[in-house]
Amino acid sequence: MNFRFNYIAAASLTLAMGLGATSCLKYEKDPHSSTSGTATMVCDNTFENILKQEVDVFEYQYPDAHILVRYGTQSEAFDSLFSLNTRTIVVSRDVTPQEKSALKAKYKKERGANINVRSAKIAVDAVAFIVNPANTCEKLTVSELADIMSGESSQWNDLEPSKLGAIKVVLDQTGSSLATFLSDSLLQGRNLGPNVFAAGSIPEVFKVVEENPNAIGVLGVSWITSDMDSADMSREELAESVLSDGAVMGATLTQRVKVLKVNRDNEVRAYKPYQQYIFDGSYPLFRQIYMITTASTSNVAGGFYSFVTGPIGQKIIMKTGILPARVSVQQVELPETE
């Protein structure tokens, strides 16, 4: 059935102003500046494919800059920040005022330095649920998802007539930020059920669902967009695609697996996690992505923070299928078949 679907595109006029200030012209070399030198950081591994593209474009634009990223759990990211092993992290929650004060005090005591703790919301990520195309399930309510994640609904037949057997919930890691989201936001503090398994990584979640009709996978929506060709672009191609003044069209969802629609319990219509439905709040399950840094604006870690939170960095996020936090958007109606 054909219907009109609102895609989101990054508004080119808004971005053009920022792009003019950060063009690809050669800069004077300085071994330690906001655009040269080496910096390390830790990123929640559920956001790996997003940050890799940010690093690629930043290093392409500034050849003397090198960003070394370790991907791990959100807990590992915060531990690294507070042990002063890294100055920058990307995670799914903001730093609290108490944590800021503690971090400043620790730098003062151990390094004799007065630092500024900066944080910014860089994106809004939808938590998506995927099943094998052989699974007849098309949509679930928030309550039905909660019952699945808690183990109260253990068979697909508990939800609708189905020939499939036991439900197998697949996450990247049991201690990941996705697991925390499910426990805190979906289950209201309750524990995940015995039917929840860790695949070890986000790509493995995808693989398990592709091979197992009984599985339901949980992952961020940027991992299931059909515009994952951005990840296959060369660094130069990706950079040129976002450094131009043209608008960036939001991504559509992959056809390799079935992406389930989700609706709130008091609503009839269910939605897939398209950028439009994240933008207007129709899709009910989403989380924020934050970048937190103690780096000075005069070094490369601070420069990378400014890049990701600025126009070009936000344009890159638009391409991944999630919603950028700071770029003005325009809605473009295109025909969609579903």
C-alpha atoms as a PDB file:
ATOM      1  CA  MET A   1       0.000   0.000   0.000  1.00  0.00           C
ATOM      2  CA  ASN A   2       1.395   3.409  -0.931  1.00  0.00           C
ATOM      3  CA  PHE A   3       1.279   6.245   1.552  1.00  0.00           C
ATOM      4  CA  ARG A   4       3.033   9.516   2.177  1.00  0.00           C
ATOM      5  CA  PHE A   5       5.945   9.342   4.600  1.00  0.00           C
ATOM      6  CA  ASN A   6       7.781  12.292   6.106  1.00  0.00           C
ATOM      7  CA  TYR A   7      11.521  11.872   5.844  1.00  0.00           C
ATOM      8  CA  ILE A   8      13.770  14.298   7.654  1.00  0.00           C
ATOM      9  CA  ALA A   9      16.574  16.131   5.913  1.00  0.00           C
ATOM     10  CA  ALA A  10      19.222  18.369   7.404  1.00  0.00           C
ATOM     11  CA  ALA A  11      18.480  21.936   6.412  1.00  0.00           C
ATOM     12  CA  SER A  12      21.249  23.066   4.089  1.00  0.00           C
ATOM     13  CA  LEU A  13      20.947  26.773   4.855  1.00  0.00           C
ATOM     14  CA  THR A  14      21.523  26.218   8.561  1.00  0.00           C
ATOM     15  CA  LEU A  15      24.499  24.013   7.908  1.00  0.00           C
ATOM     16  CA  ALA A  16      26.095  26.207   5.273  1.00  0.00           C
ATOM     17  CA  MET A  17      26.922  28.879   7.824  1.00  0.00           C
ATOM     18  CA  GLY A  18      28.797  26.393   9.984  1.00  0.00           C
ATOM     19  CA  LEU A  19      30.533  24.782   7.047  1.00  0.00           C
ATOM     20  CA  GLY A  20      32.006  28.072   5.979  1.00  0.00           C
ATOM     21  CA  ALA A  21      33.854  28.324   9.266  1.00  0.00           C
ATOM     22  CA  THR A  22      35.244  24.800   9.009  1.00  0.00           C
ATOM     23  CA  SER A  23      36.153  24.334   5.370  1.00  0.00           C
ATOM     24  CA  CYS A  24      38.690  21.896   3.971  1.00  0.00           C
ATOM     25  CA  LEU A  25      41.340  24.547   3.452  1.00  0.00           C
ATOM     26  CA  LYS A  26      44.841  23.831   4.729  1.00  0.00           C
ATOM     27  CA  TYR A  27      45.533  25.061   8.248  1.00  0.00           C
ATOM     28  CA  GLU A  28      48.826  26.132   9.745  1.00  0.00           C
ATOM     29  CA  LYS A  29      50.375  23.155  11.455  1.00  0.00           C
ATOM     30  CA  ASP A  30      50.710  23.155  15.200  1.00  0.00           C
ATOM     31  CA  PRO A  31      51.752  19.955  17.029  1.00  0.00           C
ATOM     32  CA  HIS A  32      49.270  20.689  19.816  1.00  0.00           C
ATOM     33  CA  SER A  33      46.118  22.531  18.855  1.00  0.00           C
ATOM     34  CA  SER A  34      42.405  21.950  18.445  1.00  0.00           C
ATOM     35  CA  THR A  35      43.062  20.474  14.999  1.00  0.00           C
ATOM     36  CA  SER A  36      46.364  18.643  15.513  1.00  0.00           C
ATOM     37  CA  GLY A  37      47.807  16.138  17.941  1.00  0.00           C
ATOM     38  CA  THR A  38      46.551  12.859  19.404  1.00  0.00           C
ATOM     39  CA  ALA A  39      43.675  12.288  21.811  1.00  0.00           C
ATOM     40  CA  THR A  40      42.122   9.182  23.346  1.00  0.00           C
ATOM     41  CA  MET A  41      38.499   8.655  24.313  1.00  0.00           C
ATOM     42  CA  VAL A  42      36.042   5.936  25.323  1.00  0.00           C
ATOM     43  CA  CYS A  43      32.686   5.384  23.619  1.00  0.00           C
ATOM     44  CA  ASP A  44      29.705   3.222  24.527  1.00  0.00           C
ATOM     45  CA  ASN A  45      29.978   0.382  22.016  1.00  0.00           C
ATOM     46  CA  THR A  46      26.318   0.710  20.994  1.00  0.00           C
ATOM     47  CA  PHE A  47      27.295   4.005  19.342  1.00  0.00           C
ATOM     48  CA  GLU A  48      30.426   2.643  17.633  1.00  0.00           C
ATOM     49  CA  ASN A  49      29.273   2.938  14.036  1.00  0.00           C
ATOM     50  CA  ILE A  50      28.263   6.571  14.619  1.00  0.00           C
ATOM     51  CA  LEU A  51      31.519   7.678  16.222  1.00  0.00           C
ATOM     52  CA  LYS A  52      33.700   5.897  13.676  1.00  0.00           C
ATOM     53  CA  GLN A  53      32.222   8.100  10.963  1.00  0.00           C
ATOM     54  CA  GLU A  54      32.762  11.214  13.087  1.00  0.00           C
ATOM     55  CA  VAL A  55      36.430  10.297  13.555  1.00  0.00           C
ATOM     56  CA  ASP A  56      36.894   9.533   9.853  1.00  0.00           C
ATOM     57  CA  VAL A  57      35.632  12.911   8.711  1.00  0.00           C
ATOM     58  CA  PHE A  58      37.454  14.860  11.450  1.00  0.00           C
ATOM     59  CA  GLU A  59      40.778  13.190  10.646  1.00  0.00           C
ATOM     60  CA  TYR A  60      40.210  13.684   6.921  1.00  0.00           C
ATOM     61  CA  GLN A  61      39.520  17.371   7.418  1.00  0.00           C
ATOM     62  CA  TYR A  62      42.447  17.777   9.829  1.00  0.00           C
ATOM     63  CA  PRO A  63      45.219  15.364   8.730  1.00  0.00           C
ATOM     64  CA  ASP A  64      47.410  16.229  11.730  1.00  0.00           C
ATOM     65  CA  ALA A  65      44.687  15.149  14.185  1.00  0.00           C
ATOM     66  CA  HIS A  66      44.411  11.592  15.508  1.00  0.00           C
ATOM     67  CA  ILE A  67      41.504  10.360  17.664  1.00  0.00           C
ATOM     68  CA  LEU A  68      42.046   6.950  19.277  1.00  0.00           C
ATOM     69  CA  VAL A  69      38.787   5.431  20.488  1.00  0.00           C
ATOM     70  CA  ARG A  70      38.219   2.481  22.799  1.00  0.00           C
ATOM     71  CA  TYR A  71      34.735   0.970  22.634  1.00  0.00           C
ATOM     72  CA  GLY A  72      33.285  -0.596  25.765  1.00  0.00           C
ATOM     73  CA  THR A  73      30.325  -0.491  28.113  1.00  0.00           C
ATOM     74  CA  GLN A  74      28.942   2.746  29.485  1.00  0.00           C
ATOM     75  CA  SER A  75      30.274   1.847  32.925  1.00  0.00           C
ATOM     76  CA  GLU A  76      33.752   1.426  31.484  1.00  0.00           C
ATOM     77  CA  ALA A  77      33.495   4.837  29.838  1.00  0.00           C
ATOM     78  CA  PHE A  78      32.604   6.582  33.089  1.00  0.00           C
ATOM     79  CA  ASP A  79      35.248   4.621  35.004  1.00  0.00           C
ATOM     80  CA  SER A  80      37.881   5.788  32.512  1.00  0.00           C
ATOM     81  CA  LEU A  81      36.732   9.400  32.811  1.00  0.00           C
ATOM     82  CA  PHE A  82      36.788   9.392  36.610  1.00  0.00           C
ATOM     83  CA  SER A  83      40.105   7.561  36.834  1.00  0.00           C
ATOM     84  CA  LEU A  84      41.499  10.382  34.632  1.00  0.00           C
ATOM     85  CA  ASN A  85      42.566   7.885  31.947  1.00  0.00           C
ATOM     86  CA  THR A  86      40.590   9.727  29.289  1.00  0.00           C
ATOM     87  CA  ARG A  87      39.193  13.210  28.885  1.00  0.00           C
ATOM     88  CA  THR A  88      36.252  12.439  26.599  1.00  0.00           C
ATOM     89  CA  ILE A  89      33.462   9.858  26.575  1.00  0.00           C
ATOM     90  CA  VAL A  90      30.263   9.210  24.593  1.00  0.00           C
ATOM     91  CA  VAL A  91      27.453   7.655  26.644  1.00  0.00           C
ATOM     92  CA  SER A  92      23.668   7.481  26.980  1.00  0.00           C
ATOM     93  CA  ARG A  93      23.323   9.763  30.024  1.00  0.00           C
ATOM     94  CA  ASP A  94      24.620  13.153  31.050  1.00  0.00           C
ATOM     95  CA  VAL A  95      27.097  13.751  33.833  1.00  0.00           C
ATOM     96  CA  THR A  96      25.370  14.919  37.039  1.00  0.00           C
ATOM     97  CA  PRO A  97      26.253  18.164  38.881  1.00  0.00           C
ATOM     98  CA  GLN A  98      27.675  16.058  41.730  1.00  0.00           C
ATOM     99  CA  GLU A  99      29.845  14.102  39.296  1.00  0.00           C
ATOM    100  CA  LYS A 100      31.088  17.334  37.734  1.00  0.00           C
ATOM    101  CA  SER A 101      32.114  18.658  41.123  1.00  0.00           C
ATOM    102  CA  ALA A 102      33.845  15.399  42.051  1.00  0.00           C
ATOM    103  CA  LEU A 103      35.705  15.318  38.737  1.00  0.00           C
ATOM    104  CA  LYS A 104      36.921  18.902  39.107  1.00  0.00           C
ATOM    105  CA  ALA A 105      38.077  18.187  42.652  1.00  0.00           C
ATOM    106  CA  LYS A 106      39.978  15.087  41.557  1.00  0.00           C
ATOM    107  CA  TYR A 107      41.814  16.934  38.794  1.00  0.00           C
ATOM    108  CA  LYS A 108      42.717  19.677  41.256  1.00  0.00           C
ATOM    109  CA  LYS A 109      44.002  17.206  43.844  1.00  0.00           C
ATOM    110  CA  GLU A 110      45.841  14.758  41.558  1.00  0.00           C
ATOM    111  CA  ARG A 111      46.917  16.969  38.659  1.00  0.00           C
ATOM    112  CA  GLY A 112      46.916  20.421  40.230  1.00  0.00           C
ATOM    113  CA  ALA A 113      44.725  21.596  37.359  1.00  0.00           C
ATOM    114  CA  ASN A 114      41.514  23.558  37.187  1.00  0.00           C
ATOM    115  CA  ILE A 115      39.343  21.972  34.521  1.00  0.00           C
ATOM    116  CA  ASN A 116      35.978  22.664  32.968  1.00  0.00           C
ATOM    117  CA  VAL A 117      33.599  19.724  32.521  1.00  0.00           C
ATOM    118  CA  ARG A 118      31.540  20.191  29.373  1.00  0.00           C
ATOM    119  CA  SER A 119      28.710  17.990  28.167  1.00  0.00           C
ATOM    120  CA  ALA A 120      26.285  18.153  25.271  1.00  0.00           C
ATOM    121  CA  LYS A 121      23.455  16.043  23.955  1.00  0.00           C
ATOM    122  CA  ILE A 122      24.585  15.098  20.466  1.00  0.00           C
ATOM    123  CA  ALA A 123      21.717  12.854  19.314  1.00  0.00           C
ATOM    124  CA  VAL A 124      18.524  10.980  20.143  1.00  0.00           C
ATOM    125  CA  ASP A 125      18.692   7.252  19.475  1.00  0.00           C
ATOM    126  CA  ALA A 126      15.666   5.002  19.088  1.00  0.00           C
ATOM    127  CA  VAL A 127      15.842   1.572  20.715  1.00  0.00           C
ATOM    128  CA  ALA A 128      14.747  -0.784  17.965  1.00  0.00           C
ATOM    129  CA  PHE A 129      13.468  -4.354  18.056  1.00  0.00           C
ATOM    130  CA  ILE A 130      14.167  -6.708  15.174  1.00  0.00           C
ATOM    131  CA  VAL A 131      12.965 -10.195  14.289  1.00  0.00           C
ATOM    132  CA  ASN A 132      13.609 -12.692  11.526  1.00  0.00           C
ATOM    133  CA  PRO A 133      11.509 -12.115   8.363  1.00  0.00           C
ATOM    134  CA  ALA A 134       9.954 -15.557   8.931  1.00  0.00           C
ATOM    135  CA  ASN A 135       8.404 -14.304  12.171  1.00  0.00           C
ATOM    136  CA  THR A 136       4.790 -13.222  11.585  1.00  0.00           C
ATOM    137  CA  CYS A 137       4.874 -10.618  14.360  1.00  0.00           C
ATOM    138  CA  GLU A 138       4.613  -7.082  12.947  1.00  0.00           C
ATOM    139  CA  LYS A 139       4.121  -4.873  15.992  1.00  0.00           C
ATOM    140  CA  LEU A 140       4.178  -4.902  19.781  1.00  0.00           C
ATOM    141  CA  THR A 141       2.907  -2.593  22.492  1.00  0.00           C
ATOM    142  CA  VAL A 142       5.209  -1.217  25.164  1.00  0.00           C
ATOM    143  CA  SER A 143       3.572  -3.546  27.710  1.00  0.00           C
ATOM    144  CA  GLU A 144       4.046  -6.570  25.473  1.00  0.00           C
ATOM    145  CA  LEU A 145       7.721  -5.695  25.086  1.00  0.00           C
ATOM    146  CA  ALA A 146       8.035  -5.346  28.856  1.00  0.00           C
ATOM    147  CA  ASP A 147       6.469  -8.781  29.326  1.00  0.00           C
ATOM    148  CA  ILE A 148       8.935 -10.253  26.832  1.00  0.00           C
ATOM    149  CA  MET A 149      11.967  -8.605  28.427  1.00  0.00           C
ATOM    150  CA  SER A 150      10.936  -9.689  31.935  1.00  0.00           C
ATOM    151  CA  GLY A 151      10.243 -13.256  30.827  1.00  0.00           C
ATOM    152  CA  GLU A 152       6.532 -13.126  31.650  1.00  0.00           C
ATOM    153  CA  SER A 153       5.802 -13.803  27.990  1.00  0.00           C
ATOM    154  CA  SER A 154       8.152 -16.628  27.133  1.00  0.00           C
ATOM    155  CA  GLN A 155       6.517 -18.051  23.986  1.00  0.00           C
ATOM    156  CA  TRP A 156       5.599 -16.289  20.761  1.00  0.00           C
ATOM    157  CA  ASN A 157       2.210 -17.952  21.047  1.00  0.00           C
ATOM    158  CA  ASP A 158       1.631 -15.897  24.228  1.00  0.00           C
ATOM    159  CA  LEU A 159       1.369 -12.791  22.037  1.00  0.00           C
ATOM    160  CA  GLU A 160      -0.496 -14.046  18.962  1.00  0.00           C
ATOM    161  CA  PRO A 161      -1.145 -17.375  17.270  1.00  0.00           C
ATOM    162  CA  SER A 162       2.273 -18.567  16.179  1.00  0.00           C
ATOM    163  CA  LYS A 163       4.081 -21.755  15.236  1.00  0.00           C
ATOM    164  CA  LEU A 164       7.289 -20.421  16.735  1.00  0.00           C
ATOM    165  CA  GLY A 165       8.501 -21.560  20.120  1.00  0.00           C
ATOM    166  CA  ALA A 166      10.343 -19.918  22.991  1.00  0.00           C
ATOM    167  CA  ILE A 167      11.240 -16.245  22.666  1.00  0.00           C
ATOM    168  CA  LYS A 168      14.966 -15.569  22.759  1.00  0.00           C
ATOM    169  CA  VAL A 169      15.863 -11.947  23.511  1.00  0.00           C
ATOM    170  CA  VAL A 170      19.316 -10.999  22.223  1.00  0.00           C
ATOM    171  CA  LEU A 171      21.377  -8.043  23.484  1.00  0.00           C
ATOM    172  CA  ASP A 172      24.950  -7.044  22.810  1.00  0.00           C
ATOM    173  CA  GLN A 173      26.071  -7.451  26.452  1.00  0.00           C
ATOM    174  CA  THR A 174      24.127  -7.957  29.659  1.00  0.00           C
ATOM    175  CA  GLY A 175      25.907  -4.964  31.244  1.00  0.00           C
ATOM    176  CA  SER A 176      25.470  -2.641  28.267  1.00  0.00           C
ATOM    177  CA  SER A 177      23.610   0.653  28.179  1.00  0.00           C
ATOM    178  CA  LEU A 178      20.851  -1.063  26.185  1.00  0.00           C
ATOM    179  CA  ALA A 179      20.364  -3.545  29.022  1.00  0.00           C
ATOM    180  CA  THR A 180      20.246  -0.643  31.471  1.00  0.00           C
ATOM    181  CA  PHE A 181      17.663   1.138  29.330  1.00  0.00           C
ATOM    182  CA  LEU A 182      15.443  -1.939  29.194  1.00  0.00           C
ATOM    183  CA  SER A 183      15.680  -2.484  32.944  1.00  0.00           C
ATOM    184  CA  ASP A 184      15.281   1.148  34.014  1.00  0.00           C
ATOM    185  CA  SER A 185      12.913   2.570  31.407  1.00  0.00           C
ATOM    186  CA  LEU A 186      10.929  -0.363  30.028  1.00  0.00           C
ATOM    187  CA  LEU A 187      10.764  -2.559  33.150  1.00  0.00           C
ATOM    188  CA  GLN A 188      10.702   0.311  35.652  1.00  0.00           C
ATOM    189  CA  GLY A 189      13.654  -1.035  37.619  1.00  0.00           C
ATOM    190  CA  ARG A 190      12.852  -4.735  37.377  1.00  0.00           C
ATOM    191  CA  ASN A 191      15.455  -7.249  36.283  1.00  0.00           C
ATOM    192  CA  LEU A 192      15.654  -8.683  32.805  1.00  0.00           C
ATOM    193  CA  GLY A 193      14.247 -12.179  32.455  1.00  0.00           C
ATOM    194  CA  PRO A 194      16.034 -15.519  32.040  1.00  0.00           C
ATOM    195  CA  ASN A 195      15.217 -15.446  28.310  1.00  0.00           C
ATOM    196  CA  VAL A 196      17.655 -12.553  27.700  1.00  0.00           C
ATOM    197  CA  PHE A 197      21.018 -13.517  26.227  1.00  0.00           C
ATOM    198  CA  ALA A 198      24.208 -11.625  25.386  1.00  0.00           C
ATOM    199  CA  ALA A 199      25.492 -12.094  21.836  1.00  0.00           C
ATOM    200  CA  GLY A 200      28.756 -10.281  22.608  1.00  0.00           C
ATOM    201  CA  SER A 201      28.419  -7.398  20.157  1.00  0.00           C
ATOM    202  CA  ILE A 202      25.844  -5.489  18.122  1.00  0.00           C
ATOM    203  CA  PRO A 203      26.829  -7.171  14.811  1.00  0.00           C
ATOM    204  CA  GLU A 204      26.343 -10.548  16.512  1.00  0.00           C
ATOM    205  CA  VAL A 205      22.816  -9.510  17.603  1.00  0.00           C
ATOM    206  CA  PHE A 206      22.028  -8.868  13.963  1.00  0.00           C
ATOM    207  CA  LYS A 207      23.508 -12.227  12.959  1.00  0.00           C
ATOM    208  CA  VAL A 208      21.562 -14.216  15.574  1.00  0.00           C
ATOM    209  CA  VAL A 209      18.254 -12.691  14.459  1.00  0.00           C
ATOM    210  CA  GLU A 210      19.010 -13.367  10.803  1.00  0.00           C
ATOM    211  CA  GLU A 211      19.623 -17.036  11.617  1.00  0.00           C
ATOM    212  CA  ASN A 212      16.969 -17.674  14.310  1.00  0.00           C
ATOM    213  CA  PRO A 213      13.202 -17.112  13.726  1.00  0.00           C
ATOM    214  CA  ASN A 214      12.548 -17.307  17.489  1.00  0.00           C
ATOM    215  CA  ALA A 215      14.908 -14.443  18.342  1.00  0.00           C
ATOM    216  CA  ILE A 216      14.116 -10.787  18.974  1.00  0.00           C
ATOM    217  CA  GLY A 217      17.091  -8.443  18.913  1.00  0.00           C
ATOM    218  CA  VAL A 218      17.513  -5.128  20.710  1.00  0.00           C
ATOM    219  CA  LEU A 219      19.813  -2.487  19.259  1.00  0.00           C
ATOM    220  CA  GLY A 220      20.127   1.184  18.384  1.00  0.00           C
ATOM    221  CA  VAL A 221      18.406   2.204  15.181  1.00  0.00           C
ATOM    222  CA  SER A 222      21.621   3.386  13.497  1.00  0.00           C
ATOM    223  CA  TRP A 223      22.656  -0.273  13.160  1.00  0.00           C
ATOM    224  CA  ILE A 224      19.642  -1.184  11.021  1.00  0.00           C
ATOM    225  CA  THR A 225      19.410   1.602   8.481  1.00  0.00           C
ATOM    226  CA  SER A 226      19.652   0.761   4.826  1.00  0.00           C
ATOM    227  CA  ASP A 227      22.019   3.716   4.517  1.00  0.00           C
ATOM    228  CA  MET A 228      24.753   1.680   6.179  1.00  0.00           C
ATOM    229  CA  ASP A 229      26.607   2.217   2.901  1.00  0.00           C
ATOM    230  CA  SER A 230      28.033   5.258   4.720  1.00  0.00           C
ATOM    231  CA  ALA A 231      30.097   2.788   6.714  1.00  0.00           C
ATOM    232  CA  ASP A 232      31.404   1.286   3.453  1.00  0.00           C
ATOM    233  CA  MET A 233      32.394   4.632   1.959  1.00  0.00           C
ATOM    234  CA  SER A 234      36.010   5.636   1.839  1.00  0.00           C
ATOM    235  CA  ARG A 235      37.009   8.342   4.276  1.00  0.00           C
ATOM    236  CA  GLU A 236      37.225  10.801   1.403  1.00  0.00           C
ATOM    237  CA  GLU A 237      33.783   9.918   0.022  1.00  0.00           C
ATOM    238  CA  LEU A 238      32.133  10.222   3.418  1.00  0.00           C
ATOM    239  CA  ALA A 239      33.830  13.539   4.118  1.00  0.00           C
ATOM    240  CA  GLU A 240      32.832  15.007   0.769  1.00  0.00           C
ATOM    241  CA  SER A 241      29.216  13.919   1.282  1.00  0.00           C
ATOM    242  CA  VAL A 242      28.877  15.875   4.528  1.00  0.00           C
ATOM    243  CA  LEU A 243      31.206  18.800   3.815  1.00  0.00           C
ATOM    244  CA  SER A 244      29.078  19.957   0.903  1.00  0.00           C
ATOM    245  CA  ASP A 245      26.379  22.574   1.387  1.00  0.00           C
ATOM    246  CA  GLY A 246      23.639  20.190   0.295  1.00  0.00           C
ATOM    247  CA  ALA A 247      21.028  18.700   2.602  1.00  0.00           C
ATOM    248  CA  VAL A 248      21.480  15.187   3.962  1.00  0.00           C
ATOM    249  CA  MET A 249      18.475  12.888   3.631  1.00  0.00           C
ATOM    250  CA  GLY A 250      17.573  10.737   6.601  1.00  0.00           C
ATOM    251  CA  ALA A 251      18.122   7.010   6.275  1.00  0.00           C
ATOM    252  CA  THR A 252      15.501   4.310   5.736  1.00  0.00           C
ATOM    253  CA  LEU A 253      15.415   0.936   7.478  1.00  0.00           C
ATOM    254  CA  THR A 254      17.029  -2.257   6.275  1.00  0.00           C
ATOM    255  CA  GLN A 255      15.074  -5.084   4.664  1.00  0.00           C
ATOM    256  CA  ARG A 256      17.459  -7.796   5.843  1.00  0.00           C
ATOM    257  CA  VAL A 257      15.516  -8.212   9.077  1.00  0.00           C
ATOM    258  CA  LYS A 258      12.030  -7.164  10.118  1.00  0.00           C
ATOM    259  CA  VAL A 259      11.968  -4.004  12.208  1.00  0.00           C
ATOM    260  CA  LEU A 260       8.961  -4.140  14.519  1.00  0.00           C
ATOM    261  CA  LYS A 261       6.486  -1.329  14.947  1.00  0.00           C
ATOM    262  CA  VAL A 262       5.862  -0.231  18.535  1.00  0.00           C
ATOM    263  CA  ASN A 263       2.952   1.641  20.072  1.00  0.00           C
ATOM    264  CA  ARG A 264       2.128   2.972  23.506  1.00  0.00           C
ATOM    265  CA  ASP A 265      -0.555   1.010  25.334  1.00  0.00           C
ATOM    266  CA  ASN A 266      -3.155   3.773  25.020  1.00  0.00           C
ATOM    267  CA  GLU A 267      -2.560   4.348  21.308  1.00  0.00           C
ATOM    268  CA  VAL A 268      -3.873   2.403  18.330  1.00  0.00           C
ATOM    269  CA  ARG A 269      -1.250   3.236  15.736  1.00  0.00           C
ATOM    270  CA  ALA A 270       2.197   1.673  15.971  1.00  0.00           C
ATOM    271  CA  TYR A 271       5.360   3.201  14.532  1.00  0.00           C
ATOM    272  CA  LYS A 272       8.707   2.081  13.218  1.00  0.00           C
ATOM    273  CA  PRO A 273      11.769   3.973  14.482  1.00  0.00           C
ATOM    274  CA  TYR A 274      12.123   6.324  11.530  1.00  0.00           C
ATOM    275  CA  GLN A 275      13.770   9.685  12.201  1.00  0.00           C
ATOM    276  CA  GLN A 276      10.445  11.450  11.649  1.00  0.00           C
ATOM    277  CA  TYR A 277       8.792   9.437  14.417  1.00  0.00           C
ATOM    278  CA  ILE A 278      11.735   9.934  16.761  1.00  0.00           C
ATOM    279  CA  PHE A 279      11.545  13.664  15.991  1.00  0.00           C
ATOM    280  CA  ASP A 280       7.837  14.039  16.780  1.00  0.00           C
ATOM    281  CA  GLY A 281       7.801  11.567  19.695  1.00  0.00           C
ATOM    282  CA  SER A 282       5.504   9.032  18.034  1.00  0.00           C
ATOM    283  CA  TYR A 283       8.015   6.223  18.491  1.00  0.00           C
ATOM    284  CA  PRO A 284       7.902   5.609  22.257  1.00  0.00           C
ATOM    285  CA  LEU A 285      11.313   4.092  23.059  1.00  0.00           C
ATOM    286  CA  PHE A 286      14.296   6.375  22.701  1.00  0.00           C
ATOM    287  CA  ARG A 287      17.329   7.560  24.640  1.00  0.00           C
ATOM    288  CA  GLN A 288      19.742  10.462  24.556  1.00  0.00           C
ATOM    289  CA  ILE A 289      23.388  10.322  23.500  1.00  0.00           C
ATOM    290  CA  TYR A 290      25.827  12.632  25.295  1.00  0.00           C
ATOM    291  CA  MET A 291      29.423  13.655  24.731  1.00  0.00           C
ATOM    292  CA  ILE A 292      31.269  14.601  27.913  1.00  0.00           C
ATOM    293  CA  THR A 293      34.758  16.097  28.040  1.00  0.00           C
ATOM    294  CA  THR A 294      37.238  17.665  30.426  1.00  0.00           C
ATOM    295  CA  ALA A 295      39.475  18.712  27.537  1.00  0.00           C
ATOM    296  CA  SER A 296      40.514  22.277  26.874  1.00  0.00           C
ATOM    297  CA  THR A 297      39.221  23.984  23.749  1.00  0.00           C
ATOM    298  CA  SER A 298      42.851  24.510  22.719  1.00  0.00           C
ATOM    299  CA  ASN A 299      43.749  20.809  22.294  1.00  0.00           C
ATOM    300  CA  VAL A 300      42.615  18.202  19.794  1.00  0.00           C
ATOM    301  CA  ALA A 301      40.212  16.470  22.188  1.00  0.00           C
ATOM    302  CA  GLY A 302      38.435  19.778  22.694  1.00  0.00           C
ATOM    303  CA  GLY A 303      38.509  20.386  18.955  1.00  0.00           C
ATOM    304  CA  PHE A 304      36.856  17.030  18.308  1.00  0.00           C
ATOM    305  CA  TYR A 305      34.163  17.821  20.905  1.00  0.00           C
ATOM    306  CA  SER A 306      33.417  21.090  19.067  1.00  0.00           C
ATOM    307  CA  PHE A 307      33.351  19.221  15.750  1.00  0.00           C
ATOM    308  CA  VAL A 308      30.848  16.547  16.856  1.00  0.00           C
ATOM    309  CA  THR A 309      28.561  19.082  18.513  1.00  0.00           C
ATOM    310  CA  GLY A 310      28.823  21.458  15.549  1.00  0.00           C
ATOM    311  CA  PRO A 311      27.159  21.511  12.111  1.00  0.00           C
ATOM    312  CA  ILE A 312      29.316  18.940  10.331  1.00  0.00           C
ATOM    313  CA  GLY A 313      29.279  16.448  13.194  1.00  0.00           C
ATOM    314  CA  GLN A 314      25.509  16.738  13.428  1.00  0.00           C
ATOM    315  CA  LYS A 315      25.180  16.251   9.686  1.00  0.00           C
ATOM    316  CA  ILE A 316      27.114  12.983   9.990  1.00  0.00           C
ATOM    317  CA  ILE A 317      24.688  11.832  12.688  1.00  0.00           C
ATOM    318  CA  MET A 318      21.778  12.569  10.352  1.00  0.00           C
ATOM    319  CA  LYS A 319      23.207  10.107   7.834  1.00  0.00           C
ATOM    320  CA  THR A 320      23.306   7.265  10.382  1.00  0.00           C
ATOM    321  CA  GLY A 321      19.538   7.138  10.877  1.00  0.00           C
ATOM    322  CA  ILE A 322      19.265   8.656  14.341  1.00  0.00           C
ATOM    323  CA  LEU A 323      18.192  12.196  15.197  1.00  0.00           C
ATOM    324  CA  PRO A 324      20.876  14.861  15.574  1.00  0.00           C
ATOM    325  CA  ALA A 325      20.439  17.141  18.586  1.00  0.00           C
ATOM    326  CA  ARG A 326      21.544  20.465  17.163  1.00  0.00           C
ATOM    327  CA  VAL A 327      20.891  20.662  13.442  1.00  0.00           C
ATOM    328  CA  SER A 328      17.707  22.349  12.267  1.00  0.00           C
ATOM    329  CA  VAL A 329      15.671  19.948  10.162  1.00  0.00           C
ATOM    330  CA  GLN A 330      13.126  20.186   7.403  1.00  0.00           C
ATOM    331  CA  GLN A 331      10.519  17.539   6.655  1.00  0.00           C
ATOM    332  CA  VAL A 332      10.356  16.314   3.067  1.00  0.00           C
ATOM    333  CA  GLU A 333       7.383  14.208   1.944  1.00  0.00           C
ATOM    334  CA  LEU A 334       8.352  11.244  -0.199  1.00  0.00           C
ATOM    335  CA  PRO A 335       6.274   8.260  -1.304  1.00  0.00           C
ATOM    336  CA  GLU A 336       6.997   5.092   0.671  1.00  0.00           C
ATOM    337  CA  THR A 337       5.840   1.545   0.038  1.00  0.00           C
ATOM    338  CA  GLU A 338       5.336  -0.763   3.013  1.00  0.00           C
END
